[in-house]
């Protein structure tokens, strides 16, 4: 999995992240986003 689209934005702005998978996703799959802020644990997005 390869993410792209991150960067620096001002508060109130917008950003779109992409994640391309090397394999073919099927009806048995799900995909998601998690994040980890500085000094904090991973959280579901």
ModelCIF file with pLDDT and N, C-alpha, C, O atoms, coordinates in Angstrom:
data_MODEL
#
_entry.id   MODEL 
#
_entity.id                         1 
_entity.type                       polymer 
_entity.pdbx_number_of_molecules   1 
#
_entity_poly.entity_id                      1 
_entity_poly.type                           'polypeptide(L)' 
_entity_poly.nstd_linkage                   no 
_entity_poly.nstd_monomer                   no 
_entity_poly.pdbx_seq_one_letter_code       
;(UNK)(UNK)(UNK)(UNK)(UNK)(UNK)(UNK)(UNK)(UNK)(UNK)(UNK)(UNK)(UNK)(UNK)(UNK)(UNK)
(UNK)(UNK)(UNK)(UNK)(UNK)(UNK)(UNK)(UNK)(UNK)(UNK)(UNK)(UNK)(UNK)(UNK)(UNK)(UNK)
(UNK)(UNK)(UNK)(UNK)(UNK)(UNK)(UNK)(UNK)(UNK)(UNK)(UNK)(UNK)(UNK)
;
_entity_poly.pdbx_seq_one_letter_code_can   XXXXXXXXXXXXXXXXXXXXXXXXXXXXXXXXXXXXXXXXXXXXX 
_entity_poly.pdbx_strand_id                 A 
#
loop_
_entity_poly_seq.entity_id 
_entity_poly_seq.num 
_entity_poly_seq.mon_id 
_entity_poly_seq.hetero 
1 1  UNK n 
1 2  UNK n 
1 3  UNK n 
1 4  UNK n 
1 5  UNK n 
1 6  UNK n 
1 7  UNK n 
1 8  UNK n 
1 9  UNK n 
1 10 UNK n 
1 11 UNK n 
1 12 UNK n 
1 13 UNK n 
1 14 UNK n 
1 15 UNK n 
1 16 UNK n 
1 17 UNK n 
1 18 UNK n 
1 19 UNK n 
1 20 UNK n 
1 21 UNK n 
1 22 UNK n 
1 23 UNK n 
1 24 UNK n 
1 25 UNK n 
1 26 UNK n 
1 27 UNK n 
1 28 UNK n 
1 29 UNK n 
1 30 UNK n 
1 31 UNK n 
1 32 UNK n 
1 33 UNK n 
1 34 UNK n 
1 35 UNK n 
1 36 UNK n 
1 37 UNK n 
1 38 UNK n 
1 39 UNK n 
1 40 UNK n 
1 41 UNK n 
1 42 UNK n 
1 43 UNK n 
1 44 UNK n 
1 45 UNK n 
#
_struct_asym.id          A 
_struct_asym.entity_id   1 
#
loop_
_ma_qa_metric.id 
_ma_qa_metric.mode 
_ma_qa_metric.name 
_ma_qa_metric.software_group_id 
_ma_qa_metric.type 
1 global pLDDT . pLDDT 
2 local  pLDDT . pLDDT 
#
_ma_qa_metric_global.metric_id      1 
_ma_qa_metric_global.metric_value   95.76 
_ma_qa_metric_global.model_id       1 
_ma_qa_metric_global.ordinal_id     1 
#
loop_
_ma_qa_metric_local.label_asym_id 
_ma_qa_metric_local.label_comp_id 
_ma_qa_metric_local.label_seq_id 
_ma_qa_metric_local.metric_id 
_ma_qa_metric_local.metric_value 
_ma_qa_metric_local.model_id 
_ma_qa_metric_local.ordinal_id 
A UNK 1  2 96.00 1 1  
A UNK 2  2 95.00 1 2  
A UNK 3  2 95.00 1 3  
A UNK 4  2 96.00 1 4  
A UNK 5  2 96.00 1 5  
A UNK 6  2 97.00 1 6  
A UNK 7  2 97.00 1 7  
A UNK 8  2 98.00 1 8  
A UNK 9  2 98.00 1 9  
A UNK 10 2 98.00 1 10 
A UNK 11 2 98.00 1 11 
A UNK 12 2 98.00 1 12 
A UNK 13 2 98.00 1 13 
A UNK 14 2 98.00 1 14 
A UNK 15 2 98.00 1 15 
A UNK 16 2 98.00 1 16 
A UNK 17 2 98.00 1 17 
A UNK 18 2 98.00 1 18 
A UNK 19 2 97.00 1 19 
A UNK 20 2 96.00 1 20 
A UNK 21 2 95.00 1 21 
A UNK 22 2 94.00 1 22 
A UNK 23 2 88.00 1 23 
A UNK 24 2 89.00 1 24 
A UNK 25 2 90.00 1 25 
A UNK 26 2 89.00 1 26 
A UNK 27 2 91.00 1 27 
A UNK 28 2 94.00 1 28 
A UNK 29 2 95.00 1 29 
A UNK 30 2 96.00 1 30 
A UNK 31 2 97.00 1 31 
A UNK 32 2 97.00 1 32 
A UNK 33 2 98.00 1 33 
A UNK 34 2 98.00 1 34 
A UNK 35 2 98.00 1 35 
A UNK 36 2 98.00 1 36 
A UNK 37 2 97.00 1 37 
A UNK 38 2 91.00 1 38 
A UNK 39 2 92.00 1 39 
A UNK 40 2 95.00 1 40 
A UNK 41 2 95.00 1 41 
A UNK 42 2 96.00 1 42 
A UNK 43 2 97.00 1 43 
A UNK 44 2 98.00 1 44 
A UNK 45 2 98.00 1 45 
#
loop_
_atom_site.group_PDB 
_atom_site.id 
_atom_site.type_symbol 
_atom_site.label_atom_id 
_atom_site.label_alt_id 
_atom_site.label_comp_id 
_atom_site.label_asym_id 
_atom_site.label_entity_id 
_atom_site.label_seq_id 
_atom_site.pdbx_PDB_ins_code 
_atom_site.Cartn_x 
_atom_site.Cartn_y 
_atom_site.Cartn_z 
_atom_site.occupancy 
_atom_site.B_iso_or_equiv 
_atom_site.pdbx_formal_charge 
_atom_site.auth_seq_id 
_atom_site.auth_comp_id 
_atom_site.auth_asym_id 
_atom_site.auth_atom_id 
_atom_site.pdbx_PDB_model_num 
ATOM 1   N N  . UNK A 1 1  ? 0.848   -1.184 0.000  1.00 96.00 ? 1  UNK A N  1 
ATOM 2   C CA . UNK A 1 1  ? 0.000   0.000  0.000  1.00 96.00 ? 1  UNK A CA 1 
ATOM 3   C C  . UNK A 1 1  ? 0.883   1.232  0.000  1.00 96.00 ? 1  UNK A C  1 
ATOM 4   O O  . UNK A 1 1  ? 1.829   1.329  0.782  1.00 96.00 ? 1  UNK A O  1 
ATOM 5   N N  . UNK A 1 2  ? 0.573   2.170  -0.875 1.00 95.00 ? 2  UNK A N  1 
ATOM 6   C CA . UNK A 1 2  ? 1.361   3.384  -0.995 1.00 95.00 ? 2  UNK A CA 1 
ATOM 7   C C  . UNK A 1 2  ? 0.455   4.594  -0.862 1.00 95.00 ? 2  UNK A C  1 
ATOM 8   O O  . UNK A 1 2  ? -0.441  4.807  -1.678 1.00 95.00 ? 2  UNK A O  1 
ATOM 9   N N  . UNK A 1 3  ? 0.699   5.388  0.183  1.00 95.00 ? 3  UNK A N  1 
ATOM 10  C CA . UNK A 1 3  ? -0.071  6.602  0.409  1.00 95.00 ? 3  UNK A CA 1 
ATOM 11  C C  . UNK A 1 3  ? 0.583   7.788  -0.284 1.00 95.00 ? 3  UNK A C  1 
ATOM 12  O O  . UNK A 1 3  ? 1.795   7.818  -0.494 1.00 95.00 ? 3  UNK A O  1 
ATOM 13  N N  . UNK A 1 4  ? -0.243  8.754  -0.629 1.00 96.00 ? 4  UNK A N  1 
ATOM 14  C CA . UNK A 1 4  ? 0.254   9.991  -1.195 1.00 96.00 ? 4  UNK A CA 1 
ATOM 15  C C  . UNK A 1 4  ? -0.747  11.101 -0.914 1.00 96.00 ? 4  UNK A C  1 
ATOM 16  O O  . UNK A 1 4  ? -1.900  10.839 -0.572 1.00 96.00 ? 4  UNK A O  1 
ATOM 17  N N  . UNK A 1 5  ? -0.301  12.332 -1.060 1.00 96.00 ? 5  UNK A N  1 
ATOM 18  C CA . UNK A 1 5  ? -1.181  13.472 -0.914 1.00 96.00 ? 5  UNK A CA 1 
ATOM 19  C C  . UNK A 1 5  ? -1.020  14.265 0.364  1.00 96.00 ? 5  UNK A C  1 
ATOM 20  O O  . UNK A 1 5  ? -1.683  15.287 0.544  1.00 96.00 ? 5  UNK A O  1 
ATOM 21  N N  . UNK A 1 6  ? -0.156  13.817 1.250  1.00 97.00 ? 6  UNK A N  1 
ATOM 22  C CA . UNK A 1 6  ? 0.060   14.547 2.482  1.00 97.00 ? 6  UNK A CA 1 
ATOM 23  C C  . UNK A 1 6  ? 0.792   15.852 2.233  1.00 97.00 ? 6  UNK A C  1 
ATOM 24  O O  . UNK A 1 6  ? 1.351   16.078 1.160  1.00 97.00 ? 6  UNK A O  1 
ATOM 25  N N  . UNK A 1 7  ? 0.776   16.699 3.240  1.00 97.00 ? 7  UNK A N  1 
ATOM 26  C CA . UNK A 1 7  ? 1.453   17.974 3.115  1.00 97.00 ? 7  UNK A CA 1 
ATOM 27  C C  . UNK A 1 7  ? 1.086   18.923 4.221  1.00 97.00 ? 7  UNK A C  1 
ATOM 28  O O  . UNK A 1 7  ? 0.499   18.531 5.230  1.00 97.00 ? 7  UNK A O  1 
ATOM 29  N N  . UNK A 1 8  ? 1.437   20.178 4.025  1.00 98.00 ? 8  UNK A N  1 
ATOM 30  C CA . UNK A 1 8  ? 1.176   21.239 4.991  1.00 98.00 ? 8  UNK A CA 1 
ATOM 31  C C  . UNK A 1 8  ? 0.040   22.116 4.496  1.00 98.00 ? 8  UNK A C  1 
ATOM 32  O O  . UNK A 1 8  ? 0.082   22.630 3.378  1.00 98.00 ? 8  UNK A O  1 
ATOM 33  N N  . UNK A 1 9  ? -0.972  22.284 5.332  1.00 98.00 ? 9  UNK A N  1 
ATOM 34  C CA . UNK A 1 9  ? -2.102  23.138 4.993  1.00 98.00 ? 9  UNK A CA 1 
ATOM 35  C C  . UNK A 1 9  ? -2.467  24.000 6.189  1.00 98.00 ? 9  UNK A C  1 
ATOM 36  O O  . UNK A 1 9  ? -2.126  23.681 7.328  1.00 98.00 ? 9  UNK A O  1 
ATOM 37  N N  . UNK A 1 10 ? -3.160  25.089 5.920  1.00 98.00 ? 10 UNK A N  1 
ATOM 38  C CA . UNK A 1 10 ? -3.635  25.950 6.986  1.00 98.00 ? 10 UNK A CA 1 
ATOM 39  C C  . UNK A 1 10 ? -4.958  25.434 7.531  1.00 98.00 ? 10 UNK A C  1 
ATOM 40  O O  . UNK A 1 10 ? -5.710  24.753 6.834  1.00 98.00 ? 10 UNK A O  1 
ATOM 41  N N  . UNK A 1 11 ? -5.229  25.768 8.780  1.00 98.00 ? 11 UNK A N  1 
ATOM 42  C CA . UNK A 1 11 ? -6.503  25.395 9.379  1.00 98.00 ? 11 UNK A CA 1 
ATOM 43  C C  . UNK A 1 11 ? -7.655  25.889 8.512  1.00 98.00 ? 11 UNK A C  1 
ATOM 44  O O  . UNK A 1 11 ? -7.648  27.021 8.029  1.00 98.00 ? 11 UNK A O  1 
ATOM 45  N N  . UNK A 1 12 ? -8.639  25.020 8.325  1.00 98.00 ? 12 UNK A N  1 
ATOM 46  C CA . UNK A 1 12 ? -9.766  25.339 7.471  1.00 98.00 ? 12 UNK A CA 1 
ATOM 47  C C  . UNK A 1 12 ? -9.587  24.894 6.040  1.00 98.00 ? 12 UNK A C  1 
ATOM 48  O O  . UNK A 1 12 ? -10.530 24.925 5.251  1.00 98.00 ? 12 UNK A O  1 
ATOM 49  N N  . UNK A 1 13 ? -8.389  24.482 5.704  1.00 98.00 ? 13 UNK A N  1 
ATOM 50  C CA . UNK A 1 13 ? -8.098  24.036 4.363  1.00 98.00 ? 13 UNK A CA 1 
ATOM 51  C C  . UNK A 1 13 ? -8.484  22.590 4.136  1.00 98.00 ? 13 UNK A C  1 
ATOM 52  O O  . UNK A 1 13 ? -9.029  21.930 5.020  1.00 98.00 ? 13 UNK A O  1 
ATOM 53  N N  . UNK A 1 14 ? -8.193  22.108 2.936  1.00 98.00 ? 14 UNK A N  1 
ATOM 54  C CA . UNK A 1 14 ? -8.563  20.760 2.544  1.00 98.00 ? 14 UNK A CA 1 
ATOM 55  C C  . UNK A 1 14 ? -7.377  20.017 1.956  1.00 98.00 ? 14 UNK A C  1 
ATOM 56  O O  . UNK A 1 14 ? -6.423  20.613 1.455  1.00 98.00 ? 14 UNK A O  1 
ATOM 57  N N  . UNK A 1 15 ? -7.469  18.708 2.033  1.00 98.00 ? 15 UNK A N  1 
ATOM 58  C CA . UNK A 1 15 ? -6.430  17.855 1.499  1.00 98.00 ? 15 UNK A CA 1 
ATOM 59  C C  . UNK A 1 15 ? -7.057  16.518 1.146  1.00 98.00 ? 15 UNK A C  1 
ATOM 60  O O  . UNK A 1 15 ? -7.961  16.052 1.841  1.00 98.00 ? 15 UNK A O  1 
ATOM 61  N N  . UNK A 1 16 ? -6.589  15.901 0.080  1.00 98.00 ? 16 UNK A N  1 
ATOM 62  C CA . UNK A 1 16 ? -7.057  14.568 -0.269 1.00 98.00 ? 16 UNK A CA 1 
ATOM 63  C C  . UNK A 1 16 ? -5.892  13.598 -0.297 1.00 98.00 ? 16 UNK A C  1 
ATOM 64  O O  . UNK A 1 16 ? -4.901  13.813 -0.995 1.00 98.00 ? 16 UNK A O  1 
ATOM 65  N N  . UNK A 1 17 ? -6.024  12.540 0.464  1.00 98.00 ? 17 UNK A N  1 
ATOM 66  C CA . UNK A 1 17 ? -5.021  11.491 0.495  1.00 98.00 ? 17 UNK A CA 1 
ATOM 67  C C  . UNK A 1 17 ? -5.453  10.337 -0.390 1.00 98.00 ? 17 UNK A C  1 
ATOM 68  O O  . UNK A 1 17 ? -6.642  10.038 -0.508 1.00 98.00 ? 17 UNK A O  1 
ATOM 69  N N  . UNK A 1 18 ? -4.486  9.698  -1.005 1.00 98.00 ? 18 UNK A N  1 
ATOM 70  C CA . UNK A 1 18 ? -4.738  8.530  -1.836 1.00 98.00 ? 18 UNK A CA 1 
ATOM 71  C C  . UNK A 1 18 ? -3.929  7.354  -1.322 1.00 98.00 ? 18 UNK A C  1 
ATOM 72  O O  . UNK A 1 18 ? -2.858  7.526  -0.741 1.00 98.00 ? 18 UNK A O  1 
ATOM 73  N N  . UNK A 1 19 ? -4.448  6.171  -1.540 1.00 97.00 ? 19 UNK A N  1 
ATOM 74  C CA . UNK A 1 19 ? -3.735  4.951  -1.174 1.00 97.00 ? 19 UNK A CA 1 
ATOM 75  C C  . UNK A 1 19 ? -3.976  3.922  -2.258 1.00 97.00 ? 19 UNK A C  1 
ATOM 76  O O  . UNK A 1 19 ? -5.104  3.473  -2.460 1.00 97.00 ? 19 UNK A O  1 
ATOM 77  N N  . UNK A 1 20 ? -2.923  3.552  -2.949 1.00 96.00 ? 20 UNK A N  1 
ATOM 78  C CA . UNK A 1 20 ? -3.007  2.577  -4.023 1.00 96.00 ? 20 UNK A CA 1 
ATOM 79  C C  . UNK A 1 20 ? -2.501  1.224  -3.543 1.00 96.00 ? 20 UNK A C  1 
ATOM 80  O O  . UNK A 1 20 ? -1.416  1.124  -2.971 1.00 96.00 ? 20 UNK A O  1 
ATOM 81  N N  . UNK A 1 21 ? -3.293  0.189  -3.780 1.00 95.00 ? 21 UNK A N  1 
ATOM 82  C CA . UNK A 1 21 ? -2.931  -1.167 -3.394 1.00 95.00 ? 21 UNK A CA 1 
ATOM 83  C C  . UNK A 1 21 ? -2.342  -1.922 -4.568 1.00 95.00 ? 21 UNK A C  1 
ATOM 84  O O  . UNK A 1 21 ? -2.789  -1.772 -5.705 1.00 95.00 ? 21 UNK A O  1 
ATOM 85  N N  . UNK A 1 22 ? -1.343  -2.727 -4.289 1.00 94.00 ? 22 UNK A N  1 
ATOM 86  C CA . UNK A 1 22 ? -0.699  -3.509 -5.339 1.00 94.00 ? 22 UNK A CA 1 
ATOM 87  C C  . UNK A 1 22 ? -1.546  -4.684 -5.787 1.00 94.00 ? 22 UNK A C  1 
ATOM 88  O O  . UNK A 1 22 ? -1.390  -5.180 -6.903 1.00 94.00 ? 22 UNK A O  1 
ATOM 89  N N  . UNK A 1 23 ? -2.437  -5.127 -4.925 1.00 88.00 ? 23 UNK A N  1 
ATOM 90  C CA . UNK A 1 23 ? -3.284  -6.267 -5.235 1.00 88.00 ? 23 UNK A CA 1 
ATOM 91  C C  . UNK A 1 23 ? -4.675  -5.819 -5.628 1.00 88.00 ? 23 UNK A C  1 
ATOM 92  O O  . UNK A 1 23 ? -5.041  -4.655 -5.458 1.00 88.00 ? 23 UNK A O  1 
ATOM 93  N N  . UNK A 1 24 ? -5.448  -6.756 -6.156 1.00 89.00 ? 24 UNK A N  1 
ATOM 94  C CA . UNK A 1 24 ? -6.826  -6.477 -6.519 1.00 89.00 ? 24 UNK A CA 1 
ATOM 95  C C  . UNK A 1 24 ? -7.704  -6.620 -5.287 1.00 89.00 ? 24 UNK A C  1 
ATOM 96  O O  . UNK A 1 24 ? -7.752  -7.682 -4.666 1.00 89.00 ? 24 UNK A O  1 
ATOM 97  N N  . UNK A 1 25 ? -8.391  -5.552 -4.942 1.00 90.00 ? 25 UNK A N  1 
ATOM 98  C CA . UNK A 1 25 ? -9.343  -5.602 -3.840 1.00 90.00 ? 25 UNK A CA 1 
ATOM 99  C C  . UNK A 1 25 ? -10.606 -6.327 -4.310 1.00 90.00 ? 25 UNK A C  1 
ATOM 100 O O  . UNK A 1 25 ? -11.046 -6.171 -5.449 1.00 90.00 ? 25 UNK A O  1 
ATOM 101 N N  . UNK A 1 26 ? -11.167 -7.113 -3.414 1.00 89.00 ? 26 UNK A N  1 
ATOM 102 C CA . UNK A 1 26 ? -12.358 -7.884 -3.742 1.00 89.00 ? 26 UNK A CA 1 
ATOM 103 C C  . UNK A 1 26 ? -13.485 -7.543 -2.782 1.00 89.00 ? 26 UNK A C  1 
ATOM 104 O O  . UNK A 1 26 ? -13.333 -6.709 -1.889 1.00 89.00 ? 26 UNK A O  1 
ATOM 105 N N  . UNK A 1 27 ? -14.619 -8.206 -2.982 1.00 91.00 ? 27 UNK A N  1 
ATOM 106 C CA . UNK A 1 27 ? -15.766 -7.994 -2.110 1.00 91.00 ? 27 UNK A CA 1 
ATOM 107 C C  . UNK A 1 27 ? -15.505 -8.463 -0.684 1.00 91.00 ? 27 UNK A C  1 
ATOM 108 O O  . UNK A 1 27 ? -16.282 -8.157 0.221  1.00 91.00 ? 27 UNK A O  1 
ATOM 109 N N  . UNK A 1 28 ? -14.435 -9.191 -0.481 1.00 94.00 ? 28 UNK A N  1 
ATOM 110 C CA . UNK A 1 28 ? -14.073 -9.665 0.850  1.00 94.00 ? 28 UNK A CA 1 
ATOM 111 C C  . UNK A 1 28 ? -13.129 -8.710 1.577  1.00 94.00 ? 28 UNK A C  1 
ATOM 112 O O  . UNK A 1 28 ? -12.694 -8.988 2.694  1.00 94.00 ? 28 UNK A O  1 
ATOM 113 N N  . UNK A 1 29 ? -12.819 -7.600 0.946  1.00 95.00 ? 29 UNK A N  1 
ATOM 114 C CA . UNK A 1 29 ? -11.873 -6.644 1.513  1.00 95.00 ? 29 UNK A CA 1 
ATOM 115 C C  . UNK A 1 29 ? -12.535 -5.372 2.016  1.00 95.00 ? 29 UNK A C  1 
ATOM 116 O O  . UNK A 1 29 ? -13.634 -4.996 1.607  1.00 95.00 ? 29 UNK A O  1 
ATOM 117 N N  . UNK A 1 30 ? -11.820 -4.737 2.911  1.00 96.00 ? 30 UNK A N  1 
ATOM 118 C CA . UNK A 1 30 ? -12.152 -3.393 3.332  1.00 96.00 ? 30 UNK A CA 1 
ATOM 119 C C  . UNK A 1 30 ? -10.855 -2.607 3.430  1.00 96.00 ? 30 UNK A C  1 
ATOM 120 O O  . UNK A 1 30 ? -9.785  -3.189 3.608  1.00 96.00 ? 30 UNK A O  1 
ATOM 121 N N  . UNK A 1 31 ? -10.943 -1.313 3.317  1.00 97.00 ? 31 UNK A N  1 
ATOM 122 C CA . UNK A 1 31 ? -9.764  -0.474 3.473  1.00 97.00 ? 31 UNK A CA 1 
ATOM 123 C C  . UNK A 1 31 ? -10.091 0.676  4.398  1.00 97.00 ? 31 UNK A C  1 
ATOM 124 O O  . UNK A 1 31 ? -11.231 1.135  4.476  1.00 97.00 ? 31 UNK A O  1 
ATOM 125 N N  . UNK A 1 32 ? -9.076  1.127  5.090  1.00 97.00 ? 32 UNK A N  1 
ATOM 126 C CA . UNK A 1 32 ? -9.316  2.183  6.051  1.00 97.00 ? 32 UNK A CA 1 
ATOM 127 C C  . UNK A 1 32 ? -8.121  3.074  6.260  1.00 97.00 ? 32 UNK A C  1 
ATOM 128 O O  . UNK A 1 32 ? -7.032  2.835  5.738  1.00 97.00 ? 32 UNK A O  1 
ATOM 129 N N  . UNK A 1 33 ? -8.354  4.106  7.036  1.00 98.00 ? 33 UNK A N  1 
ATOM 130 C CA . UNK A 1 33 ? -7.324  5.064  7.395  1.00 98.00 ? 33 UNK A CA 1 
ATOM 131 C C  . UNK A 1 33 ? -7.213  5.164  8.907  1.00 98.00 ? 33 UNK A C  1 
ATOM 132 O O  . UNK A 1 33 ? -8.216  5.260  9.614  1.00 98.00 ? 33 UNK A O  1 
ATOM 133 N N  . UNK A 1 34 ? -6.001  5.142  9.379  1.00 98.00 ? 34 UNK A N  1 
ATOM 134 C CA . UNK A 1 34 ? -5.685  5.402  10.770 1.00 98.00 ? 34 UNK A CA 1 
ATOM 135 C C  . UNK A 1 34 ? -4.701  6.559  10.816 1.00 98.00 ? 34 UNK A C  1 
ATOM 136 O O  . UNK A 1 34 ? -4.091  6.901  9.802  1.00 98.00 ? 34 UNK A O  1 
ATOM 137 N N  . UNK A 1 35 ? -4.547  7.152  11.968 1.00 98.00 ? 35 UNK A N  1 
ATOM 138 C CA . UNK A 1 35 ? -3.574  8.219  12.100 1.00 98.00 ? 35 UNK A CA 1 
ATOM 139 C C  . UNK A 1 35 ? -2.914  8.177  13.463 1.00 98.00 ? 35 UNK A C  1 
ATOM 140 O O  . UNK A 1 35 ? -3.466  7.654  14.431 1.00 98.00 ? 35 UNK A O  1 
ATOM 141 N N  . UNK A 1 36 ? -1.726  8.739  13.514 1.00 98.00 ? 36 UNK A N  1 
ATOM 142 C CA . UNK A 1 36 ? -0.998  8.827  14.767 1.00 98.00 ? 36 UNK A CA 1 
ATOM 143 C C  . UNK A 1 36 ? -0.437  10.234 14.905 1.00 98.00 ? 36 UNK A C  1 
ATOM 144 O O  . UNK A 1 36 ? 0.450   10.643 14.156 1.00 98.00 ? 36 UNK A O  1 
ATOM 145 N N  . UNK A 1 37 ? -0.967  10.957 15.866 1.00 97.00 ? 37 UNK A N  1 
ATOM 146 C CA . UNK A 1 37 ? -0.522  12.314 16.133 1.00 97.00 ? 37 UNK A CA 1 
ATOM 147 C C  . UNK A 1 37 ? 0.714   12.282 17.031 1.00 97.00 ? 37 UNK A C  1 
ATOM 148 O O  . UNK A 1 37 ? 0.943   11.293 17.727 1.00 97.00 ? 37 UNK A O  1 
ATOM 149 N N  . UNK A 1 38 ? 1.511   13.348 17.024 1.00 91.00 ? 38 UNK A N  1 
ATOM 150 C CA . UNK A 1 38 ? 2.705   13.388 17.873 1.00 91.00 ? 38 UNK A CA 1 
ATOM 151 C C  . UNK A 1 38 ? 2.365   13.166 19.340 1.00 91.00 ? 38 UNK A C  1 
ATOM 152 O O  . UNK A 1 38 ? 1.507   13.848 19.900 1.00 91.00 ? 38 UNK A O  1 
ATOM 153 N N  . UNK A 1 39 ? 3.041   12.217 19.949 1.00 92.00 ? 39 UNK A N  1 
ATOM 154 C CA . UNK A 1 39 ? 2.844   11.943 21.357 1.00 92.00 ? 39 UNK A CA 1 
ATOM 155 C C  . UNK A 1 39 ? 1.564   11.215 21.704 1.00 92.00 ? 39 UNK A C  1 
ATOM 156 O O  . UNK A 1 39 ? 1.249   11.054 22.883 1.00 92.00 ? 39 UNK A O  1 
ATOM 157 N N  . UNK A 1 40 ? 0.818   10.770 20.704 1.00 95.00 ? 40 UNK A N  1 
ATOM 158 C CA . UNK A 1 40 ? -0.439  10.083 20.946 1.00 95.00 ? 40 UNK A CA 1 
ATOM 159 C C  . UNK A 1 40 ? -0.436  8.700  20.304 1.00 95.00 ? 40 UNK A C  1 
ATOM 160 O O  . UNK A 1 40 ? 0.388   8.395  19.441 1.00 95.00 ? 40 UNK A O  1 
ATOM 161 N N  . UNK A 1 41 ? -1.369  7.882  20.741 1.00 95.00 ? 41 UNK A N  1 
ATOM 162 C CA . UNK A 1 41 ? -1.503  6.548  20.182 1.00 95.00 ? 41 UNK A CA 1 
ATOM 163 C C  . UNK A 1 41 ? -2.247  6.593  18.852 1.00 95.00 ? 41 UNK A C  1 
ATOM 164 O O  . UNK A 1 41 ? -2.924  7.567  18.523 1.00 95.00 ? 41 UNK A O  1 
ATOM 165 N N  . UNK A 1 42 ? -2.101  5.529  18.116 1.00 96.00 ? 42 UNK A N  1 
ATOM 166 C CA . UNK A 1 42 ? -2.814  5.378  16.857 1.00 96.00 ? 42 UNK A CA 1 
ATOM 167 C C  . UNK A 1 42 ? -4.318  5.444  17.076 1.00 96.00 ? 42 UNK A C  1 
ATOM 168 O O  . UNK A 1 42 ? -4.824  4.906  18.061 1.00 96.00 ? 42 UNK A O  1 
ATOM 169 N N  . UNK A 1 43 ? -5.032  6.093  16.175 1.00 97.00 ? 43 UNK A N  1 
ATOM 170 C CA . UNK A 1 43 ? -6.476  6.132  16.265 1.00 97.00 ? 43 UNK A CA 1 
ATOM 171 C C  . UNK A 1 43 ? -7.110  5.892  14.896 1.00 97.00 ? 43 UNK A C  1 
ATOM 172 O O  . UNK A 1 43 ? -6.539  6.225  13.857 1.00 97.00 ? 43 UNK A O  1 
ATOM 173 N N  . UNK A 1 44 ? -8.279  5.319  14.927 1.00 98.00 ? 44 UNK A N  1 
ATOM 174 C CA . UNK A 1 44 ? -9.040  5.054  13.724 1.00 98.00 ? 44 UNK A CA 1 
ATOM 175 C C  . UNK A 1 44 ? -9.598  6.348  13.158 1.00 98.00 ? 44 UNK A C  1 
ATOM 176 O O  . UNK A 1 44 ? -10.019 7.229  13.906 1.00 98.00 ? 44 UNK A O  1 
ATOM 177 N N  . UNK A 1 45 ? -9.601  6.461  11.834 1.00 98.00 ? 45 UNK A N  1 
ATOM 178 C CA . UNK A 1 45 ? -10.145 7.637  11.172 1.00 98.00 ? 45 UNK A CA 1 
ATOM 179 C C  . UNK A 1 45 ? -11.405 7.292  10.381 1.00 98.00 ? 45 UNK A C  1 
ATOM 180 O O  . UNK A 1 45 ? -12.001 8.169  9.755  1.00 98.00 ? 45 UNK A O  1 
#
